[in-house]
Structure formats: C-alpha cells, structure tokens
Amino acid sequence: MALTTDEEAKVRAVLTAVDNGKKITDLPPATGGIESYKIEVVDITGESKQLNLFSAI
C-alpha cells in the first residue's frame, strides 16, 4: 500500500515529533507556586484535558 503525499507528510511530522520529544528528566525544574501550573488529565472517554494543579489537590 503506497502512501499519498499528504499521508507521507503526516508520517514525517509524527516521526519528527517523536524524535524531538523530551523525557520528564530533560525538563527544567518547576519554580513558584502550584497555582500557576497546569497538568494533563484524561477523562473516562480517553480525551485529554487540562486542569489547574492547585485544583487537583
């Protein structure tokens, strides 16, 4: 099965994103109060959403 030009571009974009991804240990430490931070949460349908960290605790 051959990919279309558009599909090939999407595959290349995904590969680039994976190659440029960072591990949590590569990220800088957080500073300041927790009220200014957001976290990713996943609802029961699997959809990702953002939540204020202060609200989560």
PDB file of N, CA and C in Angstrom:
ATOM      1  N   MET A   1       0.845  -1.177   0.000  1.00  0.00           N
ATOM      2  CA  MET A   1       0.000   0.000   0.000  1.00  0.00           C
ATOM      3  C   MET A   1       0.889   1.237   0.000  1.00  0.00           C
ATOM      4  N   ALA A   2       0.720   2.068  -0.964  1.00  0.00           N
ATOM      5  CA  ALA A   2       1.504   3.296  -1.070  1.00  0.00           C
ATOM      6  C   ALA A   2       0.797   4.433  -0.339  1.00  0.00           C
ATOM      7  N   LEU A   3       1.590   5.299   0.241  1.00  0.00           N
ATOM      8  CA  LEU A   3       1.041   6.465   0.925  1.00  0.00           C
ATOM      9  C   LEU A   3       0.891   7.622  -0.052  1.00  0.00           C
ATOM     10  N   THR A   4      -0.132   8.428   0.167  1.00  0.00           N
ATOM     11  CA  THR A   4      -0.265   9.646  -0.623  1.00  0.00           C
ATOM     12  C   THR A   4       0.765  10.647  -0.117  1.00  0.00           C
ATOM     13  N   THR A   5       0.952  11.708  -0.860  1.00  0.00           N
ATOM     14  CA  THR A   5       1.898  12.749  -0.451  1.00  0.00           C
ATOM     15  C   THR A   5       1.488  13.344   0.889  1.00  0.00           C
ATOM     16  N   ASP A   6       0.196  13.552   1.080  1.00  0.00           N
ATOM     17  CA  ASP A   6      -0.307  14.108   2.337  1.00  0.00           C
ATOM     18  C   ASP A   6      -0.073  13.145   3.502  1.00  0.00           C
ATOM     19  N   GLU A   7      -0.340  11.876   3.277  1.00  0.00           N
ATOM     20  CA  GLU A   7      -0.118  10.871   4.326  1.00  0.00           C
ATOM     21  C   GLU A   7       1.363  10.760   4.676  1.00  0.00           C
ATOM     22  N   GLU A   8       2.207  10.813   3.665  1.00  0.00           N
ATOM     23  CA  GLU A   8       3.646  10.748   3.899  1.00  0.00           C
ATOM     24  C   GLU A   8       4.114  11.944   4.730  1.00  0.00           C
ATOM     25  N   ALA A   9       3.580  13.118   4.446  1.00  0.00           N
ATOM     26  CA  ALA A   9       3.932  14.317   5.212  1.00  0.00           C
ATOM     27  C   ALA A   9       3.500  14.170   6.670  1.00  0.00           C
ATOM     28  N   LYS A  10       2.332  13.576   6.898  1.00  0.00           N
ATOM     29  CA  LYS A  10       1.854  13.360   8.265  1.00  0.00           C
ATOM     30  C   LYS A  10       2.740  12.367   9.010  1.00  0.00           C
ATOM     31  N   VAL A  11       3.148  11.303   8.344  1.00  0.00           N
ATOM     32  CA  VAL A  11       4.039  10.318   8.964  1.00  0.00           C
ATOM     33  C   VAL A  11       5.366  10.976   9.319  1.00  0.00           C
ATOM     34  N   ARG A  12       5.890  11.795   8.418  1.00  0.00           N
ATOM     35  CA  ARG A  12       7.146  12.505   8.702  1.00  0.00           C
ATOM     36  C   ARG A  12       6.986  13.444   9.896  1.00  0.00           C
ATOM     37  N   ALA A  13       5.846  14.113  10.000  1.00  0.00           N
ATOM     38  CA  ALA A  13       5.599  15.019  11.124  1.00  0.00           C
ATOM     39  C   ALA A  13       5.541  14.253  12.440  1.00  0.00           C
ATOM     40  N   VAL A  14       4.913  13.093  12.436  1.00  0.00           N
ATOM     41  CA  VAL A  14       4.845  12.261  13.641  1.00  0.00           C
ATOM     42  C   VAL A  14       6.242  11.798  14.035  1.00  0.00           C
ATOM     43  N   LEU A  15       7.020  11.337  13.077  1.00  0.00           N
ATOM     44  CA  LEU A  15       8.383  10.889  13.364  1.00  0.00           C
ATOM     45  C   LEU A  15       9.242  12.028  13.909  1.00  0.00           C
ATOM     46  N   THR A  16       9.095  13.213  13.356  1.00  0.00           N
ATOM     47  CA  THR A  16       9.833  14.376  13.849  1.00  0.00           C
ATOM     48  C   THR A  16       9.436  14.694  15.282  1.00  0.00           C
ATOM     49  N   ALA A  17       8.146  14.637  15.582  1.00  0.00           N
ATOM     50  CA  ALA A  17       7.673  14.900  16.944  1.00  0.00           C
ATOM     51  C   ALA A  17       8.238  13.881  17.924  1.00  0.00           C
ATOM     52  N   VAL A  18       8.264  12.624  17.537  1.00  0.00           N
ATOM     53  CA  VAL A  18       8.815  11.574  18.402  1.00  0.00           C
ATOM     54  C   VAL A  18      10.303  11.807  18.619  1.00  0.00           C
ATOM     55  N   ASP A  19      11.027  12.112  17.556  1.00  0.00           N
ATOM     56  CA  ASP A  19      12.467  12.349  17.659  1.00  0.00           C
ATOM     57  C   ASP A  19      12.795  13.563  18.523  1.00  0.00           C
ATOM     58  N   ASN A  20      11.930  14.575  18.513  1.00  0.00           N
ATOM     59  CA  ASN A  20      12.184  15.807  19.264  1.00  0.00           C
ATOM     60  C   ASN A  20      11.561  15.803  20.652  1.00  0.00           C
ATOM     61  N   GLY A  21      10.897  14.714  21.013  1.00  0.00           N
ATOM     62  CA  GLY A  21      10.250  14.633  22.319  1.00  0.00           C
ATOM     63  C   GLY A  21      11.262  14.639  23.449  1.00  0.00           C
ATOM     64  N   LYS A  22      10.806  15.040  24.623  1.00  0.00           N
ATOM     65  CA  LYS A  22      11.665  15.083  25.801  1.00  0.00           C
ATOM     66  C   LYS A  22      11.127  14.150  26.872  1.00  0.00           C
ATOM     67  N   LYS A  23      12.056  13.572  27.629  1.00  0.00           N
ATOM     68  CA  LYS A  23      11.675  12.798  28.805  1.00  0.00           C
ATOM     69  C   LYS A  23      11.473  13.774  29.953  1.00  0.00           C
ATOM     70  N   ILE A  24      10.750  13.361  30.957  1.00  0.00           N
ATOM     71  CA  ILE A  24      10.496  14.244  32.087  1.00  0.00           C
ATOM     72  C   ILE A  24      11.796  14.699  32.743  1.00  0.00           C
ATOM     73  N   THR A  25      12.818  13.853  32.709  1.00  0.00           N
ATOM     74  CA  THR A  25      14.103  14.225  33.308  1.00  0.00           C
ATOM     75  C   THR A  25      14.851  15.263  32.482  1.00  0.00           C
ATOM     76  N   ASP A  26      14.424  15.496  31.243  1.00  0.00           N
ATOM     77  CA  ASP A  26      15.034  16.517  30.392  1.00  0.00           C
ATOM     78  C   ASP A  26      14.432  17.902  30.623  1.00  0.00           C
ATOM     79  N   LEU A  27      13.305  17.963  31.308  1.00  0.00           N
ATOM     80  CA  LEU A  27      12.607  19.232  31.511  1.00  0.00           C
ATOM     81  C   LEU A  27      13.211  20.005  32.677  1.00  0.00           C
ATOM     82  N   PRO A  28      13.121  21.344  32.637  1.00  0.00           N
ATOM     83  CA  PRO A  28      13.641  22.135  33.752  1.00  0.00           C
ATOM     84  C   PRO A  28      12.751  21.970  34.981  1.00  0.00           C
ATOM     85  N   PRO A  29      13.333  22.144  36.180  1.00  0.00           N
ATOM     86  CA  PRO A  29      12.516  22.046  37.390  1.00  0.00           C
ATOM     87  C   PRO A  29      11.479  23.173  37.453  1.00  0.00           C
ATOM     88  N   ALA A  30      10.353  22.880  38.039  1.00  0.00           N
ATOM     89  CA  ALA A  30       9.305  23.885  38.219  1.00  0.00           C
ATOM     90  C   ALA A  30       9.680  24.805  39.375  1.00  0.00           C
ATOM     91  N   THR A  31       9.319  26.058  39.239  1.00  0.00           N
ATOM     92  CA  THR A  31       9.562  27.027  40.312  1.00  0.00           C
ATOM     93  C   THR A  31       8.279  27.795  40.572  1.00  0.00           C
ATOM     94  N   GLY A  32       8.171  28.375  41.743  1.00  0.00           N
ATOM     95  CA  GLY A  32       6.995  29.163  42.066  1.00  0.00           C
ATOM     96  C   GLY A  32       5.885  28.329  42.666  1.00  0.00           C
ATOM     97  N   GLY A  33       4.743  28.955  42.824  1.00  0.00           N
ATOM     98  CA  GLY A  33       3.598  28.300  43.448  1.00  0.00           C
ATOM     99  C   GLY A  33       2.853  27.389  42.501  1.00  0.00           C
ATOM    100  N   ILE A  34       2.194  26.393  43.068  1.00  0.00           N
ATOM    101  CA  ILE A  34       1.484  25.411  42.245  1.00  0.00           C
ATOM    102  C   ILE A  34       0.245  25.985  41.563  1.00  0.00           C
ATOM    103  N   GLU A  35      -0.209  27.141  42.008  1.00  0.00           N
ATOM    104  CA  GLU A  35      -1.418  27.710  41.407  1.00  0.00           C
ATOM    105  C   GLU A  35      -1.200  28.152  39.960  1.00  0.00           C
ATOM    106  N   SER A  36       0.054  28.259  39.527  1.00  0.00           N
ATOM    107  CA  SER A  36       0.324  28.710  38.158  1.00  0.00           C
ATOM    108  C   SER A  36       0.609  27.560  37.194  1.00  0.00           C
ATOM    109  N   TYR A  37       0.437  26.321  37.645  1.00  0.00           N
ATOM    110  CA  TYR A  37       0.762  25.172  36.801  1.00  0.00           C
ATOM    111  C   TYR A  37      -0.480  24.429  36.329  1.00  0.00           C
ATOM    112  N   LYS A  38      -0.372  23.849  35.145  1.00  0.00           N
ATOM    113  CA  LYS A  38      -1.438  23.035  34.561  1.00  0.00           C
ATOM    114  C   LYS A  38      -0.923  21.605  34.430  1.00  0.00           C
ATOM    115  N   ILE A  39      -1.825  20.656  34.527  1.00  0.00           N
ATOM    116  CA  ILE A  39      -1.492  19.252  34.309  1.00  0.00           C
ATOM    117  C   ILE A  39      -2.452  18.685  33.271  1.00  0.00           C
ATOM    118  N   GLU A  40      -2.033  17.593  32.652  1.00  0.00           N
ATOM    119  CA  GLU A  40      -2.908  16.907  31.703  1.00  0.00           C
ATOM    120  C   GLU A  40      -3.658  15.813  32.445  1.00  0.00           C
ATOM    121  N   VAL A  41      -4.950  15.745  32.215  1.00  0.00           N
ATOM    122  CA  VAL A  41      -5.777  14.681  32.776  1.00  0.00           C
ATOM    123  C   VAL A  41      -6.524  14.012  31.622  1.00  0.00           C
ATOM    124  N   VAL A  42      -6.947  12.784  31.850  1.00  0.00           N
ATOM    125  CA  VAL A  42      -7.683  12.038  30.833  1.00  0.00           C
ATOM    126  C   VAL A  42      -9.017  11.623  31.429  1.00  0.00           C
ATOM    127  N   ASP A  43     -10.111  11.955  30.734  1.00  0.00           N
ATOM    128  CA  ASP A  43     -11.425  11.570  31.248  1.00  0.00           C
ATOM    129  C   ASP A  43     -11.728  10.115  30.875  1.00  0.00           C
ATOM    130  N   ILE A  44     -12.895   9.638  31.278  1.00  0.00           N
ATOM    131  CA  ILE A  44     -13.212   8.217  31.080  1.00  0.00           C
ATOM    132  C   ILE A  44     -13.353   7.828  29.610  1.00  0.00           C
ATOM    133  N   THR A  45     -13.512   8.819  28.729  1.00  0.00           N
ATOM    134  CA  THR A  45     -13.582   8.518  27.294  1.00  0.00           C
ATOM    135  C   THR A  45     -12.201   8.453  26.661  1.00  0.00           C
ATOM    136  N   GLY A  46     -11.165   8.842  27.424  1.00  0.00           N
ATOM    137  CA  GLY A  46      -9.806   8.851  26.893  1.00  0.00           C
ATOM    138  C   GLY A  46      -9.384  10.196  26.344  1.00  0.00           C
ATOM    139  N   GLU A  47     -10.269  11.191  26.435  1.00  0.00           N
ATOM    140  CA  GLU A  47      -9.945  12.524  25.927  1.00  0.00           C
ATOM    141  C   GLU A  47      -9.049  13.258  26.918  1.00  0.00           C
ATOM    142  N   SER A  48      -7.968  13.855  26.425  1.00  0.00           N
ATOM    143  CA  SER A  48      -7.061  14.639  27.265  1.00  0.00           C
ATOM    144  C   SER A  48      -7.629  16.030  27.482  1.00  0.00           C
ATOM    145  N   LYS A  49      -7.469  16.511  28.711  1.00  0.00           N
ATOM    146  CA  LYS A  49      -7.907  17.857  29.073  1.00  0.00           C
ATOM    147  C   LYS A  49      -6.877  18.447  30.014  1.00  0.00           C
ATOM    148  N   GLN A  50      -6.938  19.765  30.216  1.00  0.00           N
ATOM    149  CA  GLN A  50      -6.026  20.405  31.149  1.00  0.00           C
ATOM    150  C   GLN A  50      -6.749  20.731  32.450  1.00  0.00           C
ATOM    151  N   LEU A  51      -5.979  20.750  33.530  1.00  0.00           N
ATOM    152  CA  LEU A  51      -6.531  21.045  34.844  1.00  0.00           C
ATOM    153  C   LEU A  51      -5.499  21.838  35.621  1.00  0.00           C
ATOM    154  N   ASN A  52      -5.949  22.830  36.352  1.00  0.00           N
ATOM    155  CA  ASN A  52      -5.053  23.583  37.214  1.00  0.00           C
ATOM    156  C   ASN A  52      -4.568  22.661  38.321  1.00  0.00           C
ATOM    157  N   LEU A  53      -3.254  22.600  38.540  1.00  0.00           N
ATOM    158  CA  LEU A  53      -2.680  21.692  39.532  1.00  0.00           C
ATOM    159  C   LEU A  53      -3.237  21.966  40.922  1.00  0.00           C
ATOM    160  N   PHE A  54      -3.400  23.225  41.276  1.00  0.00           N
ATOM    161  CA  PHE A  54      -3.919  23.579  42.599  1.00  0.00           C
ATOM    162  C   PHE A  54      -5.320  23.005  42.806  1.00  0.00           C
ATOM    163  N   SER A  55      -6.140  22.996  41.760  1.00  0.00           N
ATOM    164  CA  SER A  55      -7.495  22.440  41.847  1.00  0.00           C
ATOM    165  C   SER A  55      -7.486  20.923  41.992  1.00  0.00           C
ATOM    166  N   ALA A  56      -6.418  20.294  41.515  1.00  0.00           N
ATOM    167  CA  ALA A  56      -6.352  18.833  41.526  1.00  0.00           C
ATOM    168  C   ALA A  56      -6.026  18.265  42.901  1.00  0.00           C
ATOM    169  N   ILE A  57      -5.447  19.100  43.762  1.00  0.00           N
ATOM    170  CA  ILE A  57      -5.084  18.570  45.086  1.00  0.00           C
ATOM    171  C   ILE A  57      -5.985  19.040  46.195  1.00  0.00           C
TER     172      ILE A  57
END
